[in-house]
Amino acid sequence: MDGISAGAESIATARAAGCSGTLVLHGDSAFYSEQVVAACRRDVRFSVTAKLDAKIKAAIAAIGEDAWTPIKYPRAIFDEQAGGWISDAEVAEATYTAFTSKKSKQVTARLIVRRVKKLNEQAERGQDELFPAWRYYPIFTDSPYALVQAEEQHRDHAVQEQINADLIDGPLAHLPSGHFAANAAWLTCAAITHNLLRALGCLASTFHAKARGATLRRHLISVPARVARHGRSGGQGHLTLHLPAGWRWQSAWLNAFTAIHDPPTARRA
């Protein structure tokens, strides 16, 4: 499915589900095309990551230095390009006309740009920078919201991307199969287990509530424990789970276990 079909299907699904308010389609640079934008403008707003081509770079360079607004992220985010955690940045906007090569398709909207300082790896050696170098993240949008809010809302779509990456790193790594029914069944099972795993993390600890699926499986699922059955007369008995001694994640595991299971029935004397 291409970006146009995916966008149109998402819009139709949202409307069918009863979403009657303002809809904003968020997309990465793969959705930066005149067809996707045109499809959005019929019914919803759009907010897509713009490709950092020569024209976009020229538009960014034309933004005055006094137009940049400092912002502070509520949570630090990891910038793979910079190789570190970023906790602050600046945003600005300008009016921009995209897709000018096809005059019948050109669209004028807002170009919102977030810039983050590049790390100066030589600073600790006494080689401070003469002027700051920036990394730019442009967004092309007709969002009706204020500058900072519109940029923050666009950045929020990365949460869904992390979930997709988590699923691809886990159960969806087995797809696709040559059989449609097998794909459907496996996708259903993947969604169920993903939801259960996230719920388990929330019950375990604050750290695990935000941890990736691989971390949850390693800390809470793949536990080297030993099961022992204690026999009693009449064929009855109970199971005891012997967990590792000095285990780092013992408290988190017990939090989840206690929340899920009722306390054991007291033995009769």
Protein backbone atom coordinates (compact mmCIF):
# COMPACT_ATOMS: atom_id res chain seq x y z
CA MET A 1 0.00 0.00 0.00
CA ASP A 2 1.44 3.39 -0.98
CA GLY A 3 1.32 6.57 1.08
CA ILE A 4 -1.73 7.95 -0.74
CA SER A 5 -3.83 4.82 -0.21
CA ALA A 6 -2.66 4.48 3.40
CA GLY A 7 -3.54 8.10 4.15
CA ALA A 8 -6.95 7.90 2.50
CA GLU A 9 -7.76 4.65 4.32
CA SER A 10 -6.70 6.11 7.67
CA ILE A 11 -8.89 9.18 7.15
CA ALA A 12 -11.89 7.06 6.15
CA THR A 13 -11.38 4.75 9.13
CA ALA A 14 -11.17 7.67 11.57
CA ARG A 15 -14.37 9.22 10.23
CA ALA A 16 -16.16 5.86 10.28
CA ALA A 17 -15.12 5.45 13.92
CA GLY A 18 -16.94 8.68 14.76
CA CYS A 19 -14.08 11.19 14.80
CA SER A 20 -15.88 14.44 13.94
CA GLY A 21 -13.33 16.96 15.21
CA THR A 22 -10.22 18.34 13.54
CA LEU A 23 -8.09 15.53 12.13
CA VAL A 24 -4.40 16.05 11.42
CA LEU A 25 -2.58 13.41 9.39
CA HIS A 26 0.99 13.02 10.65
CA GLY A 27 3.55 11.42 8.38
CA ASP A 28 7.26 11.13 7.77
CA SER A 29 9.06 12.25 4.63
CA ALA A 30 7.63 9.31 2.65
CA PHE A 31 4.27 11.14 2.78
CA TYR A 32 5.74 14.41 1.49
CA SER A 33 4.08 14.48 -1.93
CA GLU A 34 1.52 16.59 -3.73
CA GLN A 35 -0.88 13.63 -3.97
CA VAL A 36 -0.93 12.99 -0.21
CA VAL A 37 -1.30 16.66 0.62
CA ALA A 38 -4.09 17.08 -1.94
CA ALA A 39 -5.94 14.08 -0.49
CA CYS A 40 -5.67 15.55 3.01
CA ARG A 41 -6.92 19.00 2.05
CA ARG A 42 -10.28 17.59 1.01
CA ASP A 43 -11.22 16.65 4.57
CA VAL A 44 -8.37 16.89 7.11
CA ARG A 45 -5.23 18.84 7.97
CA PHE A 46 -1.76 17.52 7.21
CA SER A 47 1.60 17.57 9.03
CA VAL A 48 4.40 15.80 7.17
CA THR A 49 8.15 15.83 7.52
CA ALA A 50 9.58 17.78 4.59
CA LYS A 51 12.55 16.52 2.62
CA LEU A 52 15.63 18.61 3.35
CA ASP A 53 16.32 19.51 -0.28
CA ALA A 54 17.97 22.66 -1.64
CA LYS A 55 14.73 24.63 -1.72
CA ILE A 56 13.87 23.76 1.88
CA LYS A 57 17.41 24.64 2.99
CA ALA A 58 17.10 28.04 1.27
CA ALA A 59 13.79 28.69 3.03
CA ILE A 60 15.34 27.80 6.39
CA ALA A 61 18.33 30.05 5.74
CA ALA A 62 15.94 32.96 5.10
CA ILE A 63 14.43 32.68 8.58
CA GLY A 64 15.66 35.55 10.76
CA GLU A 65 17.67 34.75 13.87
CA ASP A 66 15.15 36.58 16.04
CA ALA A 67 12.32 34.35 14.78
CA TRP A 68 13.53 31.25 16.67
CA THR A 69 11.64 30.32 19.85
CA PRO A 70 13.40 28.16 22.47
CA ILE A 71 11.47 25.07 23.56
CA LYS A 72 12.06 22.58 26.31
CA TYR A 73 11.10 18.97 25.84
CA PRO A 74 9.12 17.37 28.69
CA ARG A 75 11.21 14.25 28.10
CA ALA A 76 14.64 14.01 26.56
CA ILE A 77 14.72 12.21 23.21
CA PHE A 78 17.58 10.27 21.71
CA ASP A 79 18.92 11.76 18.50
CA GLU A 80 20.53 8.94 16.51
CA GLN A 81 22.27 11.36 14.16
CA ALA A 82 23.76 13.41 17.00
CA GLY A 83 24.50 10.27 19.00
CA GLY A 84 23.13 11.59 22.29
CA TRP A 85 20.14 12.72 24.32
CA ILE A 86 18.60 16.05 23.37
CA SER A 87 16.56 18.01 25.89
CA ASP A 88 16.14 21.44 24.29
CA ALA A 89 15.83 23.03 20.86
CA GLU A 90 14.40 26.01 18.99
CA VAL A 91 11.50 26.30 16.54
CA ALA A 92 10.49 28.85 13.93
CA GLU A 93 8.13 29.00 10.98
CA ALA A 94 7.74 30.62 7.59
CA THR A 95 5.26 30.54 4.73
CA TYR A 96 6.34 28.05 2.10
CA THR A 97 5.04 26.95 -1.30
CA ALA A 98 5.75 23.30 -2.09
CA PHE A 99 5.58 21.28 -5.29
CA THR A 100 6.17 24.30 -7.53
CA SER A 101 7.34 22.10 -10.39
CA LYS A 102 3.68 21.26 -10.95
CA LYS A 103 1.80 24.55 -10.76
CA SER A 104 -1.57 22.87 -10.67
CA LYS A 105 -0.44 20.87 -7.64
CA GLN A 106 1.52 23.50 -5.70
CA VAL A 107 0.46 24.14 -2.11
CA THR A 108 1.23 27.09 0.15
CA ALA A 109 1.24 26.33 3.86
CA ARG A 110 3.42 26.60 6.97
CA LEU A 111 7.02 25.44 7.10
CA ILE A 112 7.77 24.74 10.77
CA VAL A 113 11.42 24.03 11.54
CA ARG A 114 12.97 22.61 14.68
CA ARG A 115 16.70 23.07 15.05
CA VAL A 116 19.01 21.31 17.50
CA LYS A 117 22.62 22.19 18.16
CA LYS A 118 25.16 19.72 16.85
CA LEU A 119 27.43 18.25 19.49
CA ASN A 120 30.90 19.75 19.56
CA GLU A 121 33.13 16.74 20.18
CA GLN A 122 36.24 18.95 20.41
CA ALA A 123 34.88 21.24 23.14
CA GLU A 124 36.42 19.20 25.96
CA ARG A 125 39.82 19.61 24.32
CA GLY A 126 39.63 23.40 24.43
CA GLN A 127 38.49 23.80 20.83
CA ASP A 128 35.26 25.71 21.42
CA GLU A 129 33.08 26.58 18.46
CA LEU A 130 33.21 30.03 16.88
CA PHE A 131 29.48 29.85 16.04
CA PRO A 132 26.81 27.20 16.68
CA ALA A 133 26.10 24.54 14.07
CA TRP A 134 22.52 23.33 13.82
CA ARG A 135 20.65 20.24 12.72
CA TYR A 136 17.29 21.05 11.11
CA TYR A 137 14.01 19.11 11.11
CA PRO A 138 11.44 20.75 8.76
CA ILE A 139 7.69 20.11 8.82
CA PHE A 140 5.24 21.11 6.09
CA THR A 141 1.79 21.60 7.58
CA ASP A 142 -1.49 23.48 7.49
CA SER A 143 -2.09 22.78 11.18
CA PRO A 144 -4.38 25.40 12.77
CA TYR A 145 -2.51 25.28 16.06
CA ALA A 146 0.13 27.64 17.45
CA LEU A 147 3.77 27.14 16.50
CA VAL A 148 5.03 25.28 19.56
CA GLN A 149 1.88 23.16 19.84
CA ALA A 150 1.90 22.22 16.15
CA GLU A 151 5.57 21.16 16.31
CA GLU A 152 5.02 19.17 19.49
CA GLN A 153 2.00 17.38 18.05
CA HIS A 154 3.99 16.39 14.97
CA ARG A 155 6.81 15.06 17.13
CA ASP A 156 4.32 12.94 19.08
CA HIS A 157 3.78 10.70 16.04
CA ALA A 158 7.21 9.24 16.75
CA VAL A 159 5.64 7.38 19.69
CA GLN A 160 3.70 5.24 17.25
CA GLU A 161 6.85 4.69 15.21
CA GLN A 162 8.58 3.33 18.33
CA ILE A 163 5.70 0.92 18.87
CA ASN A 164 5.96 -0.26 15.26
CA ALA A 165 9.72 -0.71 15.68
CA ASP A 166 9.10 -2.67 18.87
CA LEU A 167 6.69 -5.01 17.10
CA ILE A 168 8.98 -5.44 14.10
CA ASP A 169 11.82 -6.30 16.47
CA GLY A 170 9.58 -8.92 18.07
CA PRO A 171 6.67 -10.98 16.73
CA LEU A 172 6.29 -9.19 13.38
CA ALA A 173 9.83 -10.24 12.48
CA HIS A 174 8.22 -13.57 11.42
CA LEU A 175 6.05 -11.90 8.78
CA PRO A 176 5.13 -12.09 6.01
CA SER A 177 4.05 -15.62 5.37
CA GLY A 178 2.96 -16.97 2.02
CA HIS A 179 -0.53 -17.57 3.43
CA PHE A 180 -2.90 -14.68 4.09
CA ALA A 181 -4.73 -16.52 6.87
CA ALA A 182 -1.44 -17.21 8.66
CA ASN A 183 -0.50 -13.53 8.45
CA ALA A 184 -3.88 -12.51 9.89
CA ALA A 185 -3.66 -15.01 12.74
CA TRP A 186 -0.09 -14.08 13.61
CA LEU A 187 -0.89 -10.35 13.53
CA THR A 188 -3.82 -10.90 15.90
CA CYS A 189 -1.63 -12.89 18.29
CA ALA A 190 1.09 -10.22 18.08
CA ALA A 191 -1.37 -7.45 18.99
CA ILE A 192 -2.77 -9.42 21.93
CA THR A 193 0.65 -10.29 23.35
CA HIS A 194 1.90 -6.72 22.82
CA ASN A 195 -1.00 -5.31 24.83
CA LEU A 196 -0.52 -7.90 27.58
CA LEU A 197 3.20 -7.16 27.71
CA ARG A 198 2.59 -3.41 28.04
CA ALA A 199 0.08 -4.05 30.83
CA LEU A 200 2.61 -6.28 32.59
CA GLY A 201 5.21 -3.53 32.42
CA CYS A 202 2.81 -0.98 33.93
CA LEU A 203 2.09 -3.33 36.83
CA ALA A 204 5.77 -4.08 37.41
CA SER A 205 7.37 -0.63 37.87
CA THR A 206 7.62 2.89 36.52
CA PHE A 207 10.76 1.92 34.61
CA HIS A 208 9.13 -1.10 32.97
CA ALA A 209 6.02 0.92 32.06
CA LYS A 210 8.20 2.77 29.52
CA ALA A 211 10.62 -0.03 28.62
CA ARG A 212 10.78 -1.63 25.19
CA GLY A 213 9.28 -5.05 24.57
CA ALA A 214 12.69 -6.74 24.38
CA THR A 215 13.55 -5.37 27.83
CA LEU A 216 10.25 -6.56 29.29
CA ARG A 217 10.74 -10.04 27.88
CA ARG A 218 14.28 -10.17 29.25
CA HIS A 219 13.46 -8.82 32.72
CA LEU A 220 9.99 -10.25 33.41
CA ILE A 221 9.30 -13.16 31.05
CA SER A 222 12.53 -15.06 30.35
CA VAL A 223 13.30 -15.64 34.01
CA PRO A 224 15.58 -18.57 35.02
CA ALA A 225 13.22 -19.82 37.73
CA ARG A 226 12.60 -23.36 38.98
CA VAL A 227 9.15 -24.84 39.57
CA ALA A 228 8.73 -27.33 42.42
CA ARG A 229 5.60 -29.34 43.23
CA HIS A 230 4.94 -30.24 46.84
CA GLY A 231 2.89 -33.44 47.04
CA ARG A 232 0.20 -34.08 49.60
CA SER A 233 -2.06 -37.00 50.39
CA GLY A 234 -5.02 -37.47 48.09
CA GLY A 235 -3.11 -36.33 45.03
CA GLN A 236 -3.36 -32.65 45.98
CA GLY A 237 -0.41 -30.27 46.18
CA HIS A 238 0.80 -26.83 45.29
CA LEU A 239 3.48 -25.31 43.09
CA THR A 240 6.36 -23.17 44.32
CA LEU A 241 8.32 -20.95 41.96
CA HIS A 242 11.93 -20.56 43.07
CA LEU A 243 13.32 -17.30 41.67
CA PRO A 244 17.03 -16.41 41.44
CA ALA A 245 18.66 -15.16 44.64
CA GLY A 246 19.78 -11.52 44.58
CA TRP A 247 17.81 -10.94 41.39
CA ARG A 248 17.80 -7.26 40.33
CA TRP A 249 14.25 -7.26 39.03
CA GLN A 250 12.69 -9.23 41.88
CA SER A 251 10.62 -6.34 43.24
CA ALA A 252 9.24 -5.44 39.81
CA TRP A 253 8.35 -9.07 39.04
CA LEU A 254 6.65 -9.49 42.43
CA ASN A 255 4.68 -6.26 41.91
CA ALA A 256 3.20 -7.68 38.72
CA PHE A 257 2.69 -11.14 40.21
CA THR A 258 0.89 -9.76 43.27
CA ALA A 259 -1.37 -7.57 41.16
CA ILE A 260 -2.38 -10.44 38.87
CA HIS A 261 -2.70 -13.33 41.33
CA ASP A 262 -4.82 -13.68 44.45
CA PRO A 263 -2.86 -14.44 47.63
CA PRO A 264 -2.47 -18.17 48.30
CA THR A 265 -5.08 -19.86 50.43
CA ALA A 266 -3.95 -20.34 54.01
CA ARG A 267 -3.28 -23.95 54.97
CA ARG A 268 -5.47 -25.62 57.52
CA ALA A 269 -3.72 -26.88 60.59
